[in-house]
Amino acid sequence: PDKSKALARMIFHYDSIIYPFGSLAAIFYMYIAIYYSMTGNAPIFTPGTDLLKYFLPMTLSRWFMSLLCNRVVDNNDVWRAQQTWFGYAYITLLAVYEALHHRITGVEQSWANTGAGEKTSIMEIPNIITFFLMSMGVVIAIVRFYDYEDNTSPWNFVAAVFFDLFLMSQLWPMTKMSLQAFLGFDKASMTFSTNIVVSLALVGIIVFVQMWEVTRSALYSCDTDDE
């Protein structure tokens, strides 16, 4: 073998070994987002601008490195790879466990041919549950915002909902396929074009703003009556 490529081979080797453990990070992301949206308690909080002093340089550095790595890669491929990372997080974690179990005990797990049997698997359920919990987190965050958060810490609502919706967009493709299989829907029944999604999102924003105006007007009218 070419010795000049030994370093590249070593990096590729260890990257292939370490990469599956990244499923833990993906799962932590999702459950932190659920906790944040349901409770309103930020996972990281620092007073003033202390967080920006450390978080911003690190994030911009990672963004720049990602830009250099993916310049020749199609944007859709990068987006799909990211969705795959989240969508297969649970099954990857199971594979890591079974690999460690085999390494320690010497007992090799047997994997069935899923394509030849049932179209569904219980390992698809965690994605569905996680997506449902994140959806509930968005609803709870909206209720909390109308109740008091718009008057105390509206930035907390924006951060929590954005975090949740971003991860839901990553988990949706796998969740959609699982729901189609469990519910017996055909592929076209749960496939939506971009214009349909954007139009529906616009309707949601209009409803949200209108309800915000109603709740705030009611609050101000109560304050006026008290005076």
Protein backbone atom coordinates (compact mmCIF):
# COMPACT_ATOMS: atom_id res chain seq x y z
CA PRO A 1 0.00 0.00 0.00
CA ASP A 2 0.98 3.58 -0.63
CA LYS A 3 2.62 4.88 2.59
CA SER A 4 1.80 8.47 1.67
CA LYS A 5 -1.86 7.69 2.27
CA ALA A 6 -1.33 6.00 5.63
CA LEU A 7 -2.49 9.05 7.60
CA ALA A 8 -5.67 9.37 5.52
CA ARG A 9 -6.41 5.67 6.01
CA MET A 10 -5.88 5.96 9.76
CA ILE A 11 -8.19 8.99 10.00
CA PHE A 12 -10.85 7.21 7.94
CA HIS A 13 -10.49 4.10 10.11
CA TYR A 14 -10.97 5.91 13.42
CA ASP A 15 -13.72 8.10 11.99
CA SER A 16 -15.64 4.95 11.02
CA ILE A 17 -15.22 3.63 14.56
CA ILE A 18 -16.13 6.84 16.39
CA TYR A 19 -18.94 8.01 14.09
CA PRO A 20 -21.65 5.62 15.41
CA PHE A 21 -21.21 7.03 18.91
CA GLY A 22 -22.50 10.31 17.48
CA SER A 23 -25.98 8.80 17.73
CA LEU A 24 -25.83 9.64 21.44
CA ALA A 25 -25.38 13.32 20.58
CA ALA A 26 -28.35 13.22 18.21
CA ILE A 27 -30.57 11.63 20.87
CA PHE A 28 -29.39 14.14 23.49
CA TYR A 29 -30.23 16.97 21.07
CA MET A 30 -33.77 15.70 20.66
CA TYR A 31 -34.49 15.15 24.35
CA ILE A 32 -32.94 18.46 25.35
CA ALA A 33 -35.23 20.14 22.81
CA ILE A 34 -38.24 18.33 24.30
CA TYR A 35 -37.26 19.35 27.83
CA TYR A 36 -36.64 22.95 26.77
CA SER A 37 -39.94 23.37 24.93
CA MET A 38 -42.04 21.68 27.59
CA THR A 39 -40.53 23.37 30.65
CA GLY A 40 -39.20 26.65 29.28
CA ASN A 41 -35.92 26.06 31.10
CA ALA A 42 -32.98 26.75 28.80
CA PRO A 43 -30.36 23.96 28.79
CA ILE A 44 -27.60 26.60 28.85
CA PHE A 45 -27.94 29.99 30.49
CA THR A 46 -25.35 32.63 31.20
CA PRO A 47 -25.98 36.25 32.23
CA GLY A 48 -25.22 39.06 29.80
CA THR A 49 -23.17 38.25 26.73
CA ASP A 50 -20.87 35.67 28.31
CA LEU A 51 -22.33 32.86 26.20
CA LEU A 52 -21.68 34.73 22.96
CA LYS A 53 -18.01 35.20 23.82
CA TYR A 54 -17.43 31.45 23.72
CA PHE A 55 -20.34 29.99 21.75
CA LEU A 56 -20.22 32.35 18.79
CA PRO A 57 -16.53 31.84 17.86
CA MET A 58 -16.90 28.06 18.18
CA THR A 59 -20.07 27.99 16.09
CA LEU A 60 -18.64 30.23 13.38
CA SER A 61 -15.48 28.09 13.26
CA ARG A 62 -17.54 24.93 12.81
CA TRP A 63 -19.66 26.64 10.16
CA PHE A 64 -16.54 27.71 8.26
CA MET A 65 -15.02 24.21 8.44
CA SER A 66 -18.30 22.70 7.25
CA LEU A 67 -18.36 25.18 4.40
CA LEU A 68 -14.87 24.15 3.29
CA CYS A 69 -15.71 20.44 3.53
CA ASN A 70 -19.01 20.65 1.66
CA ARG A 71 -18.23 23.12 -1.10
CA VAL A 72 -18.29 20.41 -3.77
CA VAL A 73 -21.19 18.50 -2.20
CA ASP A 74 -24.75 19.14 -3.29
CA ASN A 75 -26.83 20.93 -0.64
CA ASN A 76 -29.54 18.27 -0.78
CA ASP A 77 -26.97 15.57 -0.04
CA VAL A 78 -25.76 17.44 3.03
CA TRP A 79 -29.33 17.97 4.23
CA ARG A 80 -30.27 14.32 3.68
CA ALA A 81 -27.14 13.14 5.47
CA GLN A 82 -28.09 15.27 8.45
CA GLN A 83 -31.62 13.86 8.44
CA THR A 84 -30.17 10.36 8.27
CA TRP A 85 -28.00 11.09 11.31
CA PHE A 86 -31.07 11.94 13.39
CA GLY A 87 -33.44 9.42 11.81
CA TYR A 88 -31.13 6.45 12.40
CA ALA A 89 -29.88 7.59 15.83
CA TYR A 90 -31.79 4.97 17.81
CA ILE A 91 -30.92 2.05 15.56
CA THR A 92 -27.27 3.18 15.42
CA LEU A 93 -27.16 3.27 19.22
CA LEU A 94 -28.57 -0.27 19.28
CA ALA A 95 -25.88 -1.36 16.83
CA VAL A 96 -23.18 0.19 19.05
CA TYR A 97 -24.56 -1.69 22.03
CA GLU A 98 -24.61 -4.99 20.15
CA ALA A 99 -21.07 -4.42 18.85
CA LEU A 100 -19.82 -3.79 22.40
CA HIS A 101 -21.79 -6.79 23.66
CA HIS A 102 -20.19 -9.00 21.01
CA ARG A 103 -16.75 -7.60 21.80
CA ILE A 104 -17.10 -8.29 25.53
CA THR A 105 -19.02 -11.59 25.54
CA GLY A 106 -18.12 -13.02 22.14
CA VAL A 107 -21.81 -13.66 21.45
CA GLU A 108 -22.86 -12.41 18.04
CA GLN A 109 -26.35 -10.96 17.63
CA SER A 110 -28.44 -12.16 14.70
CA TRP A 111 -30.16 -9.61 12.47
CA ALA A 112 -33.28 -10.66 10.60
CA ASN A 113 -33.92 -9.75 6.98
CA THR A 114 -36.41 -6.95 7.58
CA GLY A 115 -37.24 -6.63 3.90
CA ALA A 116 -38.47 -10.21 3.66
CA GLY A 117 -40.78 -10.07 6.68
CA GLU A 118 -43.02 -7.41 8.09
CA LYS A 119 -42.81 -3.91 6.68
CA THR A 120 -42.67 -2.42 10.16
CA SER A 121 -40.35 -2.81 13.12
CA ILE A 122 -40.63 -1.87 16.78
CA MET A 123 -37.35 0.03 16.35
CA GLU A 124 -39.30 2.62 14.34
CA ILE A 125 -41.49 3.45 17.33
CA PRO A 126 -38.88 5.59 19.19
CA ASN A 127 -38.75 8.01 16.23
CA ILE A 128 -42.54 8.32 16.24
CA ILE A 129 -42.67 8.88 20.00
CA THR A 130 -39.87 11.44 19.88
CA PHE A 131 -41.52 13.34 17.03
CA PHE A 132 -44.84 13.30 18.91
CA LEU A 133 -43.17 14.63 22.08
CA MET A 134 -41.49 17.43 20.15
CA SER A 135 -44.84 18.32 18.58
CA MET A 136 -46.40 18.44 22.04
CA GLY A 137 -43.48 20.58 23.19
CA VAL A 138 -44.27 23.18 20.52
CA VAL A 139 -47.93 23.26 21.61
CA ILE A 140 -46.98 23.61 25.28
CA ALA A 141 -44.50 26.37 24.43
CA ILE A 142 -47.20 28.28 22.55
CA VAL A 143 -49.63 27.94 25.48
CA ARG A 144 -46.91 29.10 27.89
CA PHE A 145 -46.13 32.04 25.62
CA TYR A 146 -49.76 33.19 25.58
CA ASP A 147 -50.02 32.69 29.32
CA TYR A 148 -47.06 34.74 30.54
CA GLU A 149 -43.86 34.26 28.57
CA ASP A 150 -44.55 36.98 25.98
CA ASN A 151 -44.48 39.47 28.84
CA THR A 152 -41.48 38.05 30.71
CA SER A 153 -39.08 36.25 28.33
CA PRO A 154 -40.33 36.04 24.72
CA TRP A 155 -36.82 35.21 23.52
CA ASN A 156 -37.07 31.95 25.45
CA PHE A 157 -40.13 30.94 23.42
CA VAL A 158 -38.43 31.77 20.11
CA ALA A 159 -35.36 29.71 20.99
CA ALA A 160 -37.33 26.70 22.26
CA VAL A 161 -39.71 26.53 19.29
CA PHE A 162 -36.95 27.08 16.73
CA PHE A 163 -34.89 24.29 18.33
CA ASP A 164 -37.89 21.95 18.31
CA LEU A 165 -39.00 22.71 14.74
CA PHE A 166 -35.48 22.31 13.38
CA LEU A 167 -35.13 18.84 14.91
CA MET A 168 -38.63 17.89 13.79
CA SER A 169 -37.64 18.75 10.21
CA GLN A 170 -34.66 16.39 10.60
CA LEU A 171 -36.73 13.55 12.03
CA TRP A 172 -39.76 13.93 9.76
CA PRO A 173 -38.65 11.84 6.72
CA MET A 174 -38.05 8.70 8.80
CA THR A 175 -41.13 9.34 10.95
CA LYS A 176 -43.25 9.83 7.84
CA MET A 177 -42.17 6.51 6.33
CA SER A 178 -42.82 4.72 9.62
CA LEU A 179 -46.30 6.22 9.90
CA GLN A 180 -47.05 5.26 6.32
CA ALA A 181 -46.05 1.67 7.04
CA PHE A 182 -47.89 1.38 10.37
CA LEU A 183 -51.07 3.07 9.12
CA GLY A 184 -51.04 1.42 5.70
CA PHE A 185 -50.94 4.67 3.72
CA ASP A 186 -49.46 4.84 0.25
CA LYS A 187 -46.39 6.97 -0.43
CA ALA A 188 -48.24 9.86 -2.06
CA SER A 189 -50.72 10.30 0.80
CA MET A 190 -48.13 11.88 3.13
CA THR A 191 -45.92 13.59 0.56
CA PHE A 192 -46.20 17.37 0.49
CA SER A 193 -44.55 19.78 -1.93
CA THR A 194 -42.70 22.85 -0.68
CA ASN A 195 -45.42 25.29 -1.64
CA ILE A 196 -48.01 23.30 0.36
CA VAL A 197 -45.77 23.29 3.45
CA VAL A 198 -44.97 27.00 3.16
CA SER A 199 -48.64 27.87 2.66
CA LEU A 200 -49.63 25.87 5.70
CA ALA A 201 -46.84 27.49 7.73
CA LEU A 202 -48.11 30.92 6.67
CA VAL A 203 -51.59 30.01 7.92
CA GLY A 204 -50.09 28.90 11.22
CA ILE A 205 -48.20 32.18 11.60
CA ILE A 206 -51.34 34.20 10.90
CA VAL A 207 -53.31 32.24 13.51
CA PHE A 208 -50.46 32.60 16.01
CA VAL A 209 -50.20 36.38 15.55
CA GLN A 210 -53.99 36.82 15.72
CA MET A 211 -54.24 34.82 18.95
CA TRP A 212 -51.29 36.78 20.35
CA GLU A 213 -53.13 40.02 19.63
CA VAL A 214 -56.31 38.71 21.30
CA THR A 215 -54.54 37.54 24.46
CA ARG A 216 -52.49 40.72 24.77
CA SER A 217 -55.56 42.92 24.24
CA ALA A 218 -57.41 40.99 26.94
CA LEU A 219 -54.46 41.37 29.32
CA TYR A 220 -54.20 45.13 28.75
CA SER A 221 -57.95 45.56 29.18
CA CYS A 222 -57.75 43.79 32.57
CA ASP A 223 -54.88 46.06 33.63
CA THR A 224 -56.87 49.12 32.59
CA ASP A 225 -59.94 47.98 34.57
CA ASP A 226 -57.79 47.44 37.66
CA GLU A 227 -56.48 50.99 37.46
